[in-house]
Full PDB file with SEQRES, HELIX, SHEET, SSBOND, CRYST1, ORIGX, SCALE, CONECT and MASTER records, all heavy atoms in Angstrom:
SEQRES   1 A   36  GLY ALA ILE LEU THR ASN PRO ARG ARG TYR ARG LYS SER          
SEQRES   2 A   36  TYR ASP ARG ALA ASP VAL LEU ARG GLN TRP SER TRP GLN          
SEQRES   3 A   36  THR GLU SER ALA PRO LEU LEU ASP LEU TYR                      
HELIX    1 AA1 ALA A    2  THR A    5  1                                   4    
HELIX    2 AA2 PRO A    7  ARG A   11  1                                   5    
HELIX    3 AA3 LYS A   12  ASP A   15  5                                   4    
HELIX    4 AA4 VAL A   19  GLN A   22  1                                   4    
HELIX    5 AA5 TRP A   25  LEU A   35  1                                  11    
CRYST1    1.000    1.000    1.000  90.00  90.00  90.00 P 1           1          
ORIGX1      1.000000  0.000000  0.000000        0.00000                         
ORIGX2      0.000000  1.000000  0.000000        0.00000                         
ORIGX3      0.000000  0.000000  1.000000        0.00000                         
SCALE1      1.000000  0.000000  0.000000        0.00000                         
SCALE2      0.000000  1.000000  0.000000        0.00000                         
SCALE3      0.000000  0.000000  1.000000        0.00000                         
ATOM      1  N   GLY A   1     114.269 214.892 301.465  1.00  0.00           N  
ATOM      2  CA  GLY A   1     114.518 215.881 300.454  1.00  0.00           C  
ATOM      3  C   GLY A   1     113.344 216.095 299.494  1.00  0.00           C  
ATOM      4  O   GLY A   1     113.027 217.206 299.049  1.00  0.00           O  
ATOM      5  N   ALA A   2     112.677 214.987 299.153  1.00  0.00           N  
ATOM      6  CA  ALA A   2     111.530 215.052 298.233  1.00  0.00           C  
ATOM      7  C   ALA A   2     110.400 215.923 298.866  1.00  0.00           C  
ATOM      8  O   ALA A   2     109.778 216.683 298.162  1.00  0.00           O  
ATOM      9  CB  ALA A   2     111.032 213.640 297.917  1.00  0.00           C  
ATOM     10  N   ILE A   3     110.143 215.691 300.112  1.00  0.00           N  
ATOM     11  CA  ILE A   3     109.092 216.473 300.766  1.00  0.00           C  
ATOM     12  C   ILE A   3     109.474 217.965 300.951  1.00  0.00           C  
ATOM     13  O   ILE A   3     108.712 218.881 300.691  1.00  0.00           O  
ATOM     14  CB  ILE A   3     108.777 215.895 302.157  1.00  0.00           C  
ATOM     15  CG1 ILE A   3     108.094 214.546 301.928  1.00  0.00           C  
ATOM     16  CG2 ILE A   3     107.883 216.837 302.969  1.00  0.00           C  
ATOM     17  CD1 ILE A   3     107.727 213.841 303.200  1.00  0.00           C  
ATOM     18  N   LEU A   4     110.742 218.244 301.285  1.00  0.00           N  
ATOM     19  CA  LEU A   4     111.163 219.683 301.500  1.00  0.00           C  
ATOM     20  C   LEU A   4     111.154 220.395 300.206  1.00  0.00           C  
ATOM     21  O   LEU A   4     110.975 221.639 300.178  1.00  0.00           O  
ATOM     22  CB  LEU A   4     112.554 219.680 302.156  1.00  0.00           C  
ATOM     23  CG  LEU A   4     112.684 219.185 303.564  1.00  0.00           C  
ATOM     24  CD1 LEU A   4     114.088 219.273 304.032  1.00  0.00           C  
ATOM     25  CD2 LEU A   4     111.757 220.023 304.480  1.00  0.00           C  
ATOM     26  N   THR A   5     111.289 219.723 299.045  1.00  0.00           N  
ATOM     27  CA  THR A   5     111.251 220.297 297.746  1.00  0.00           C  
ATOM     28  C   THR A   5     109.849 220.856 297.399  1.00  0.00           C  
ATOM     29  O   THR A   5     109.617 221.936 296.770  1.00  0.00           O  
ATOM     30  CB  THR A   5     111.682 219.329 296.640  1.00  0.00           C  
ATOM     31  OG1 THR A   5     112.996 218.898 296.975  1.00  0.00           O  
ATOM     32  CG2 THR A   5     111.709 219.982 295.326  1.00  0.00           C  
ATOM     33  N   ASN A   6     108.790 220.105 297.805  1.00  0.00           N  
ATOM     34  CA  ASN A   6     107.457 220.502 297.497  1.00  0.00           C  
ATOM     35  C   ASN A   6     106.467 220.082 298.599  1.00  0.00           C  
ATOM     36  O   ASN A   6     105.684 219.223 298.422  1.00  0.00           O  
ATOM     37  CB  ASN A   6     106.991 219.865 296.156  1.00  0.00           C  
ATOM     38  CG  ASN A   6     105.692 220.386 295.659  1.00  0.00           C  
ATOM     39  OD1 ASN A   6     105.121 221.328 296.236  1.00  0.00           O  
ATOM     40  ND2 ASN A   6     105.166 219.812 294.544  1.00  0.00           N  
ATOM     41  N   PRO A   7     106.531 220.700 299.796  1.00  0.00           N  
ATOM     42  CA  PRO A   7     105.734 220.272 300.874  1.00  0.00           C  
ATOM     43  C   PRO A   7     104.233 220.503 300.662  1.00  0.00           C  
ATOM     44  O   PRO A   7     103.400 219.767 301.140  1.00  0.00           O  
ATOM     45  CB  PRO A   7     106.216 221.158 302.035  1.00  0.00           C  
ATOM     46  CG  PRO A   7     106.906 222.300 301.451  1.00  0.00           C  
ATOM     47  CD  PRO A   7     107.458 221.819 300.135  1.00  0.00           C  
ATOM     48  N   ARG A   8     103.893 221.505 299.896  1.00  0.00           N  
ATOM     49  CA  ARG A   8     102.507 221.783 299.679  1.00  0.00           C  
ATOM     50  C   ARG A   8     101.772 220.624 298.996  1.00  0.00           C  
ATOM     51  O   ARG A   8     100.584 220.326 299.327  1.00  0.00           O  
ATOM     52  CB  ARG A   8     102.310 223.074 298.796  1.00  0.00           C  
ATOM     53  CG  ARG A   8     100.868 223.529 298.649  1.00  0.00           C  
ATOM     54  CD  ARG A   8     100.828 224.759 297.818  1.00  0.00           C  
ATOM     55  NE  ARG A   8     101.517 225.861 298.419  1.00  0.00           N  
ATOM     56  CZ  ARG A   8     101.007 226.670 299.277  1.00  0.00           C  
ATOM     57  NH1 ARG A   8      99.788 226.535 299.723  1.00  0.00           N  
ATOM     58  NH2 ARG A   8     101.721 227.662 299.770  1.00  0.00           N  
ATOM     59  N   ARG A   9     102.480 219.964 298.148  1.00  0.00           N  
ATOM     60  CA  ARG A   9     101.914 218.766 297.451  1.00  0.00           C  
ATOM     61  C   ARG A   9     101.398 217.735 298.420  1.00  0.00           C  
ATOM     62  O   ARG A   9     100.349 217.121 298.259  1.00  0.00           O  
ATOM     63  CB  ARG A   9     102.890 218.233 296.437  1.00  0.00           C  
ATOM     64  CG  ARG A   9     102.556 216.863 295.945  1.00  0.00           C  
ATOM     65  CD  ARG A   9     103.798 216.179 295.294  1.00  0.00           C  
ATOM     66  NE  ARG A   9     103.554 214.772 295.076  1.00  0.00           N  
ATOM     67  CZ  ARG A   9     104.537 213.893 294.854  1.00  0.00           C  
ATOM     68  NH1 ARG A   9     105.808 214.291 294.743  1.00  0.00           N  
ATOM     69  NH2 ARG A   9     104.236 212.620 294.677  1.00  0.00           N  
ATOM     70  N   TYR A  10     102.204 217.490 299.472  1.00  0.00           N  
ATOM     71  CA  TYR A  10     101.896 216.472 300.412  1.00  0.00           C  
ATOM     72  C   TYR A  10     100.834 216.872 301.406  1.00  0.00           C  
ATOM     73  O   TYR A  10      99.923 216.112 301.843  1.00  0.00           O  
ATOM     74  CB  TYR A  10     103.153 216.007 301.142  1.00  0.00           C  
ATOM     75  CG  TYR A  10     104.201 215.391 300.214  1.00  0.00           C  
ATOM     76  CD1 TYR A  10     105.223 216.191 299.680  1.00  0.00           C  
ATOM     77  CD2 TYR A  10     104.165 214.053 299.897  1.00  0.00           C  
ATOM     78  CE1 TYR A  10     106.173 215.734 298.856  1.00  0.00           C  
ATOM     79  CE2 TYR A  10     105.130 213.540 299.050  1.00  0.00           C  
ATOM     80  CZ  TYR A  10     106.088 214.358 298.527  1.00  0.00           C  
ATOM     81  OH  TYR A  10     107.064 213.826 297.672  1.00  0.00           O  
ATOM     82  N   ARG A  11     100.855 218.183 301.786  1.00  0.00           N  
ATOM     83  CA  ARG A  11      99.855 218.654 302.744  1.00  0.00           C  
ATOM     84  C   ARG A  11      98.505 218.652 302.110  1.00  0.00           C  
ATOM     85  O   ARG A  11      97.456 218.472 302.781  1.00  0.00           O  
ATOM     86  CB  ARG A  11     100.203 220.062 303.179  1.00  0.00           C  
ATOM     87  CG  ARG A  11     101.442 220.137 304.086  1.00  0.00           C  
ATOM     88  CD  ARG A  11     101.705 221.535 304.541  1.00  0.00           C  
ATOM     89  NE  ARG A  11     102.906 221.726 305.363  1.00  0.00           N  
ATOM     90  CZ  ARG A  11     102.943 221.583 306.678  1.00  0.00           C  
ATOM     91  NH1 ARG A  11     101.858 221.368 307.341  1.00  0.00           N  
ATOM     92  NH2 ARG A  11     104.061 221.749 307.304  1.00  0.00           N  
ATOM     93  N   LYS A  12      98.423 218.898 300.798  1.00  0.00           N  
ATOM     94  CA  LYS A  12      97.086 218.927 300.107  1.00  0.00           C  
ATOM     95  C   LYS A  12      96.344 217.580 300.238  1.00  0.00           C  
ATOM     96  O   LYS A  12      95.101 217.553 300.050  1.00  0.00           O  
ATOM     97  CB  LYS A  12      97.264 219.329 298.654  1.00  0.00           C  
ATOM     98  CG  LYS A  12      97.603 220.801 298.433  1.00  0.00           C  
ATOM     99  CD  LYS A  12      97.812 221.063 296.956  1.00  0.00           C  
ATOM    100  CE  LYS A  12      96.552 220.830 296.177  1.00  0.00           C  
ATOM    101  NZ  LYS A  12      96.716 221.195 294.726  1.00  0.00           N  
ATOM    102  N   SER A  13      97.120 216.496 300.510  1.00  0.00           N  
ATOM    103  CA  SER A  13      96.381 215.209 300.644  1.00  0.00           C  
ATOM    104  C   SER A  13      95.413 215.134 301.757  1.00  0.00           C  
ATOM    105  O   SER A  13      94.407 214.470 301.657  1.00  0.00           O  
ATOM    106  CB  SER A  13      97.483 214.108 300.800  1.00  0.00           C  
ATOM    107  OG  SER A  13      98.406 214.044 299.790  1.00  0.00           O  
ATOM    108  N   TYR A  14      95.620 216.005 302.761  1.00  0.00           N  
ATOM    109  CA  TYR A  14      94.719 216.033 303.884  1.00  0.00           C  
ATOM    110  C   TYR A  14      93.439 216.815 303.621  1.00  0.00           C  
ATOM    111  O   TYR A  14      92.478 216.768 304.390  1.00  0.00           O  
ATOM    112  CB  TYR A  14      95.432 216.669 305.100  1.00  0.00           C  
ATOM    113  CG  TYR A  14      96.597 215.782 305.600  1.00  0.00           C  
ATOM    114  CD1 TYR A  14      97.828 216.333 305.630  1.00  0.00           C  
ATOM    115  CD2 TYR A  14      96.408 214.474 305.925  1.00  0.00           C  
ATOM    116  CE1 TYR A  14      98.966 215.667 306.093  1.00  0.00           C  
ATOM    117  CE2 TYR A  14      97.525 213.756 306.352  1.00  0.00           C  
ATOM    118  CZ  TYR A  14      98.776 214.331 306.450  1.00  0.00           C  
ATOM    119  OH  TYR A  14      99.833 213.608 306.907  1.00  0.00           O  
ATOM    120  N   ASP A  15      93.405 217.456 302.451  1.00  0.00           N  
ATOM    121  CA  ASP A  15      92.226 218.256 302.091  1.00  0.00           C  
ATOM    122  C   ASP A  15      91.143 217.372 301.417  1.00  0.00           C  
ATOM    123  O   ASP A  15      90.049 217.845 301.182  1.00  0.00           O  
ATOM    124  CB  ASP A  15      92.582 219.402 301.106  1.00  0.00           C  
ATOM    125  CG  ASP A  15      93.447 220.456 301.778  1.00  0.00           C  
ATOM    126  OD1 ASP A  15      93.390 220.516 303.025  1.00  0.00           O  
ATOM    127  OD2 ASP A  15      94.263 221.112 301.039  1.00  0.00           O  
ATOM    128  N   ARG A  16      91.476 216.140 301.153  1.00  0.00           N  
ATOM    129  CA  ARG A  16      90.502 215.230 300.558  1.00  0.00           C  
ATOM    130  C   ARG A  16      89.313 215.016 301.495  1.00  0.00           C  
ATOM    131  O   ARG A  16      89.500 215.004 302.742  1.00  0.00           O  
ATOM    132  CB  ARG A  16      91.110 213.820 300.279  1.00  0.00           C  
ATOM    133  CG  ARG A  16      92.238 213.880 299.199  1.00  0.00           C  
ATOM    134  CD  ARG A  16      92.687 212.499 298.893  1.00  0.00           C  
ATOM    135  NE  ARG A  16      93.788 212.423 297.959  1.00  0.00           N  
ATOM    136  CZ  ARG A  16      94.370 211.317 297.605  1.00  0.00           C  
ATOM    137  NH1 ARG A  16      93.950 210.163 298.004  1.00  0.00           N  
ATOM    138  NH2 ARG A  16      95.422 211.417 296.764  1.00  0.00           N  
ATOM    139  N   ALA A  17      88.140 214.896 300.919  1.00  0.00           N  
ATOM    140  CA  ALA A  17      86.918 214.824 301.740  1.00  0.00           C  
ATOM    141  C   ALA A  17      86.968 213.641 302.718  1.00  0.00           C  
ATOM    142  O   ALA A  17      87.302 212.516 302.340  1.00  0.00           O  
ATOM    143  CB  ALA A  17      85.754 214.640 300.826  1.00  0.00           C  
ATOM    144  N   ASP A  18      86.813 213.980 303.959  1.00  0.00           N  
ATOM    145  CA  ASP A  18      86.568 213.006 305.038  1.00  0.00           C  
ATOM    146  C   ASP A  18      87.792 212.206 305.413  1.00  0.00           C  
ATOM    147  O   ASP A  18      87.664 211.263 306.239  1.00  0.00           O  
ATOM    148  CB  ASP A  18      85.397 212.068 304.673  1.00  0.00           C  
ATOM    149  CG  ASP A  18      84.012 212.755 304.826  1.00  0.00           C  
ATOM    150  OD1 ASP A  18      83.978 213.790 305.488  1.00  0.00           O  
ATOM    151  OD2 ASP A  18      83.090 212.240 304.205  1.00  0.00           O  
ATOM    152  N   VAL A  19      88.981 212.406 304.901  1.00  0.00           N  
ATOM    153  CA  VAL A  19      90.072 211.576 305.292  1.00  0.00           C  
ATOM    154  C   VAL A  19      90.383 211.745 306.782  1.00  0.00           C  
ATOM    155  O   VAL A  19      90.594 210.747 307.467  1.00  0.00           O  
ATOM    156  CB  VAL A  19      91.353 211.859 304.428  1.00  0.00           C  
ATOM    157  CG1 VAL A  19      91.865 213.278 304.570  1.00  0.00           C  
ATOM    158  CG2 VAL A  19      92.426 210.825 304.759  1.00  0.00           C  
ATOM    159  N   LEU A  20      90.478 212.959 307.265  1.00  0.00           N  
ATOM    160  CA  LEU A  20      90.738 213.156 308.681  1.00  0.00           C  
ATOM    161  C   LEU A  20      89.554 212.796 309.532  1.00  0.00           C  
ATOM    162  O   LEU A  20      89.696 212.450 310.722  1.00  0.00           O  
ATOM    163  CB  LEU A  20      91.198 214.604 308.924  1.00  0.00           C  
ATOM    164  CG  LEU A  20      92.553 214.939 308.324  1.00  0.00           C  
ATOM    165  CD1 LEU A  20      92.945 216.362 308.666  1.00  0.00           C  
ATOM    166  CD2 LEU A  20      93.608 213.996 308.891  1.00  0.00           C  
ATOM    167  N   ARG A  21      88.291 212.915 309.026  1.00  0.00           N  
ATOM    168  CA  ARG A  21      87.179 212.540 309.785  1.00  0.00           C  
ATOM    169  C   ARG A  21      87.177 211.013 309.994  1.00  0.00           C  
ATOM    170  O   ARG A  21      86.860 210.515 311.048  1.00  0.00           O  
ATOM    171  CB  ARG A  21      85.864 213.016 309.167  1.00  0.00           C  
ATOM    172  CG  ARG A  21      84.613 212.435 309.859  1.00  0.00           C  
ATOM    173  CD  ARG A  21      83.383 213.212 309.421  1.00  0.00           C  
ATOM    174  NE  ARG A  21      83.376 214.553 310.000  1.00  0.00           N  
ATOM    175  CZ  ARG A  21      83.069 214.832 311.237  1.00  0.00           C  
ATOM    176  NH1 ARG A  21      82.682 213.894 312.066  1.00  0.00           N  
ATOM    177  NH2 ARG A  21      83.047 216.109 311.606  1.00  0.00           N  
ATOM    178  N   GLN A  22      87.572 210.285 308.920  1.00  0.00           N  
ATOM    179  CA  GLN A  22      87.736 208.875 309.080  1.00  0.00           C  
ATOM    180  C   GLN A  22      88.789 208.509 310.063  1.00  0.00           C  
ATOM    181  O   GLN A  22      88.670 207.484 310.820  1.00  0.00           O  
ATOM    182  CB  GLN A  22      88.050 208.180 307.767  1.00  0.00           C  
ATOM    183  CG  GLN A  22      86.865 208.317 306.745  1.00  0.00           C  
ATOM    184  CD  GLN A  22      87.305 207.832 305.330  1.00  0.00           C  
ATOM    185  OE1 GLN A  22      88.412 207.265 305.223  1.00  0.00           O  
ATOM    186  NE2 GLN A  22      86.555 208.139 304.326  1.00  0.00           N  
ATOM    187  N   TRP A  23      89.846 209.287 310.175  1.00  0.00           N  
ATOM    188  CA  TRP A  23      90.868 209.065 311.137  1.00  0.00           C  
ATOM    189  C   TRP A  23      90.744 209.892 312.397  1.00  0.00           C  
ATOM    190  O   TRP A  23      91.653 210.411 312.938  1.00  0.00           O  
ATOM    191  CB  TRP A  23      92.237 209.459 310.496  1.00  0.00           C  
ATOM    192  CG  TRP A  23      92.685 208.441 309.480  1.00  0.00           C  
ATOM    193  CD1 TRP A  23      92.159 207.249 309.094  1.00  0.00           C  
ATOM    194  CD2 TRP A  23      93.813 208.621 308.626  1.00  0.00           C  
ATOM    195  NE1 TRP A  23      92.899 206.672 308.108  1.00  0.00           N  
ATOM    196  CE2 TRP A  23      93.904 207.499 307.784  1.00  0.00           C  
ATOM    197  CE3 TRP A  23      94.789 209.643 308.400  1.00  0.00           C  
ATOM    198  CZ2 TRP A  23      94.890 207.317 306.816  1.00  0.00           C  
ATOM    199  CZ3 TRP A  23      95.756 209.434 307.420  1.00  0.00           C  
ATOM    200  CH2 TRP A  23      95.814 208.319 306.696  1.00  0.00           C  
ATOM    201  N   SER A  24      89.499 210.086 312.886  1.00  0.00           N  
ATOM    202  CA  SER A  24      89.275 210.845 314.064  1.00  0.00           C  
ATOM    203  C   SER A  24      88.670 210.045 315.146  1.00  0.00           C  
ATOM    204  O   SER A  24      88.059 209.005 314.909  1.00  0.00           O  
ATOM    205  CB  SER A  24      88.263 212.028 313.701  1.00  0.00           C  
ATOM    206  OG  SER A  24      87.000 211.510 313.511  1.00  0.00           O  
ATOM    207  N   TRP A  25      88.843 210.500 316.397  1.00  0.00           N  
ATOM    208  CA  TRP A  25      88.295 209.762 317.521  1.00  0.00           C  
ATOM    209  C   TRP A  25      86.784 209.807 317.515  1.00  0.00           C  
ATOM    210  O   TRP A  25      86.116 208.851 318.055  1.00  0.00           O  
ATOM    211  CB  TRP A  25      88.865 210.360 318.857  1.00  0.00           C  
ATOM    212  CG  TRP A  25      88.455 209.572 320.038  1.00  0.00           C  
ATOM    213  CD1 TRP A  25      87.770 210.089 321.147  1.00  0.00           C  
ATOM    214  CD2 TRP A  25      88.672 208.219 320.353  1.00  0.00           C  
ATOM    215  NE1 TRP A  25      87.548 209.088 322.058  1.00  0.00           N  
ATOM    216  CE2 TRP A  25      88.093 207.945 321.617  1.00  0.00           C  
ATOM    217  CE3 TRP A  25      89.354 207.220 319.640  1.00  0.00           C  
ATOM    218  CZ2 TRP A  25      88.208 206.662 322.149  1.00  0.00           C  
ATOM    219  CZ3 TRP A  25      89.381 205.968 320.255  1.00  0.00           C  
ATOM    220  CH2 TRP A  25      88.866 205.648 321.455  1.00  0.00           C  
ATOM    221  N   GLN A  26      86.152 210.857 316.953  1.00  0.00           N  
ATOM    222  CA  GLN A  26      84.718 210.882 316.815  1.00  0.00           C  
ATOM    223  C   GLN A  26      84.178 209.642 316.046  1.00  0.00           C  
ATOM    224  O   GLN A  26      83.227 208.990 316.465  1.00  0.00           O  
ATOM    225  CB  GLN A  26      84.257 212.174 316.187  1.00  0.00           C  
ATOM    226  CG  GLN A  26      84.378 213.415 317.007  1.00  0.00           C  
ATOM    227  CD  GLN A  26      85.683 214.138 316.728  1.00  0.00           C  
ATOM    228  OE1 GLN A  26      86.684 213.426 316.396  1.00  0.00           O  
ATOM    229  NE2 GLN A  26      85.688 215.425 316.884  1.00  0.00           N  
ATOM    230  N   THR A  27      84.937 209.311 314.994  1.00  0.00           N  
ATOM    231  CA  THR A  27      84.544 208.128 314.148  1.00  0.00           C  
ATOM    232  C   THR A  27      84.939 206.785 314.813  1.00  0.00           C  
ATOM    233  O   THR A  27      84.171 205.863 314.916  1.00  0.00           O  
ATOM    234  CB  THR A  27      85.178 208.240 312.803  1.00  0.00           C  
ATOM    235  OG1 THR A  27      84.647 209.404 312.160  1.00  0.00           O  
ATOM    236  CG2 THR A  27      84.821 207.021 311.915  1.00  0.00           C  
ATOM    237  N   GLU A  28      86.203 206.728 315.270  1.00  0.00           N  
ATOM    238  CA  GLU A  28      86.728 205.491 315.851  1.00  0.00           C  
ATOM    239  C   GLU A  28      86.015 205.086 317.137  1.00  0.00           C  
ATOM    240  O   GLU A  28      85.959 203.873 317.443  1.00  0.00           O  
ATOM    241  CB  GLU A  28      88.234 205.638 316.044  1.00  0.00           C  
ATOM    242  CG  GLU A  28      89.092 205.804 314.768  1.00  0.00           C  
ATOM    243  CD  GLU A  28      88.996 204.602 313.865  1.00  0.00           C  
ATOM    244  OE1 GLU A  28      88.824 203.488 314.423  1.00  0.00           O  
ATOM    245  OE2 GLU A  28      89.158 204.778 312.672  1.00  0.00           O  
ATOM    246  N   SER A  29      85.565 206.004 317.934  1.00  0.00           N  
ATOM    247  CA  SER A  29      84.950 205.707 319.150  1.00  0.00           C  
ATOM    248  C   SER A  29      83.536 205.183 319.048  1.00  0.00           C  
ATOM    249  O   SER A  29      82.995 204.542 320.000  1.00  0.00           O  
ATOM    250  CB  SER A  29      84.960 206.882 320.145  1.00  0.00           C  
ATOM    251  OG  SER A  29      84.168 207.931 319.615  1.00  0.00           O  
ATOM    252  N   ALA A  30      82.906 205.415 317.873  1.00  0.00           N  
ATOM    253  CA  ALA A  30      81.492 204.965 317.717  1.00  0.00           C  
ATOM    254  C   ALA A  30      81.321 203.401 317.939  1.00  0.00           C  
ATOM    255  O   ALA A  30      80.409 202.979 318.653  1.00  0.00           O  
ATOM    256  CB  ALA A  30      81.006 205.393 316.342  1.00  0.00           C  
ATOM    257  N   PRO A  31      82.153 202.568 317.305  1.00  0.00           N  
ATOM    258  CA  PRO A  31      82.034 201.067 317.586  1.00  0.00           C  
ATOM    259  C   PRO A  31      82.236 200.707 319.066  1.00  0.00           C  
ATOM    260  O   PRO A  31      81.598 199.847 319.571  1.00  0.00           O  
ATOM    261  CB  PRO A  31      83.083 200.464 316.710  1.00  0.00           C  
ATOM    262  CG  PRO A  31      83.384 201.486 315.632  1.00  0.00           C  
ATOM    263  CD  PRO A  31      83.195 202.771 316.299  1.00  0.00           C  
ATOM    264  N   LEU A  32      83.147 201.458 319.723  1.00  0.00           N  
ATOM    265  CA  LEU A  32      83.376 201.212 321.108  1.00  0.00           C  
ATOM    266  C   LEU A  32      82.114 201.533 321.976  1.00  0.00           C  
ATOM    267  O   LEU A  32      81.687 200.701 322.829  1.00  0.00           O  
ATOM    268  CB  LEU A  32      84.522 202.060 321.613  1.00  0.00           C  
ATOM    269  CG  LEU A  32      84.839 202.047 323.138  1.00  0.00           C  
ATOM    270  CD1 LEU A  32      85.236 200.615 323.562  1.00  0.00           C  
ATOM    271  CD2 LEU A  32      85.910 203.034 323.450  1.00  0.00           C  
ATOM    272  N   LEU A  33      81.468 202.641 321.652  1.00  0.00           N  
ATOM    273  CA  LEU A  33      80.237 202.959 322.352  1.00  0.00           C  
ATOM    274  C   LEU A  33      79.110 202.045 322.099  1.00  0.00           C  
ATOM    275  O   LEU A  33      78.289 201.705 322.949  1.00  0.00           O  
ATOM    276  CB  LEU A  33      79.889 204.454 322.056  1.00  0.00           C  
ATOM    277  CG  LEU A  33      80.871 205.506 322.444  1.00  0.00           C  
ATOM    278  CD1 LEU A  33      80.388 206.831 321.975  1.00  0.00           C  
ATOM    279  CD2 LEU A  33      81.078 205.487 323.983  1.00  0.00           C  
ATOM    280  N   ASP A  34      79.095 201.514 320.842  1.00  0.00           N  
ATOM    281  CA  ASP A  34      78.101 200.498 320.475  1.00  0.00           C  
ATOM    282  C   ASP A  34      78.314 199.283 321.352  1.00  0.00           C  
ATOM    283  O   ASP A  34      77.377 198.606 321.754  1.00  0.00           O  
ATOM    284  CB  ASP A  34      78.174 200.175 319.050  1.00  0.00           C  
ATOM    285  CG  ASP A  34      77.627 201.300 318.147  1.00  0.00           C  
ATOM    286  OD1 ASP A  34      76.889 202.159 318.722  1.00  0.00           O  
ATOM    287  OD2 ASP A  34      77.914 201.293 316.923  1.00  0.00           O  
ATOM    288  N   LEU A  35      79.572 198.869 321.516  1.00  0.00           N  
ATOM    289  CA  LEU A  35      79.927 197.718 322.384  1.00  0.00           C  
ATOM    290  C   LEU A  35      79.431 197.953 323.792  1.00  0.00           C  
ATOM    291  O   LEU A  35      78.827 197.053 324.443  1.00  0.00           O  
ATOM    292  CB  LEU A  35      81.437 197.445 322.308  1.00  0.00           C  
ATOM    293  CG  LEU A  35      81.985 196.410 323.267  1.00  0.00           C  
ATOM    294  CD1 LEU A  35      81.380 194.997 322.838  1.00  0.00           C  
ATOM    295  CD2 LEU A  35      83.469 196.320 323.230  1.00  0.00           C  
ATOM    296  N   TYR A  36      79.640 199.166 324.366  1.00  0.00           N  
ATOM    297  CA  TYR A  36      79.187 199.406 325.715  1.00  0.00           C  
ATOM    298  C   TYR A  36      77.621 199.248 325.796  1.00  0.00           C  
ATOM    299  O   TYR A  36      77.118 198.640 326.707  1.00  0.00           O  
ATOM    300  CB  TYR A  36      79.483 200.890 326.060  1.00  0.00           C  
ATOM    301  CG  TYR A  36      80.936 201.192 326.316  1.00  0.00           C  
ATOM    302  CD1 TYR A  36      81.381 202.532 326.501  1.00  0.00           C  
ATOM    303  CD2 TYR A  36      81.910 200.190 326.442  1.00  0.00           C  
ATOM    304  CE1 TYR A  36      82.648 202.819 326.791  1.00  0.00           C  
ATOM    305  CE2 TYR A  36      83.220 200.483 326.683  1.00  0.00           C  
ATOM    306  CZ  TYR A  36      83.614 201.771 326.871  1.00  0.00           C  
ATOM    307  OH  TYR A  36      84.917 202.104 327.121  1.00  0.00           O  
TER     308      TYR A  36                                                      
MASTER        0    0    0    5    0    0    0    6  307    1    0    3          
END                                                                             
């Protein structure tokens, strides 16, 4: 109910700089390729 009351507030959290880049396969796969 809290989210349905104001969904935009929660979606805006993903607009923070680099949060999704940090949580991306492009970033996460880099240590794996270094291991290879």
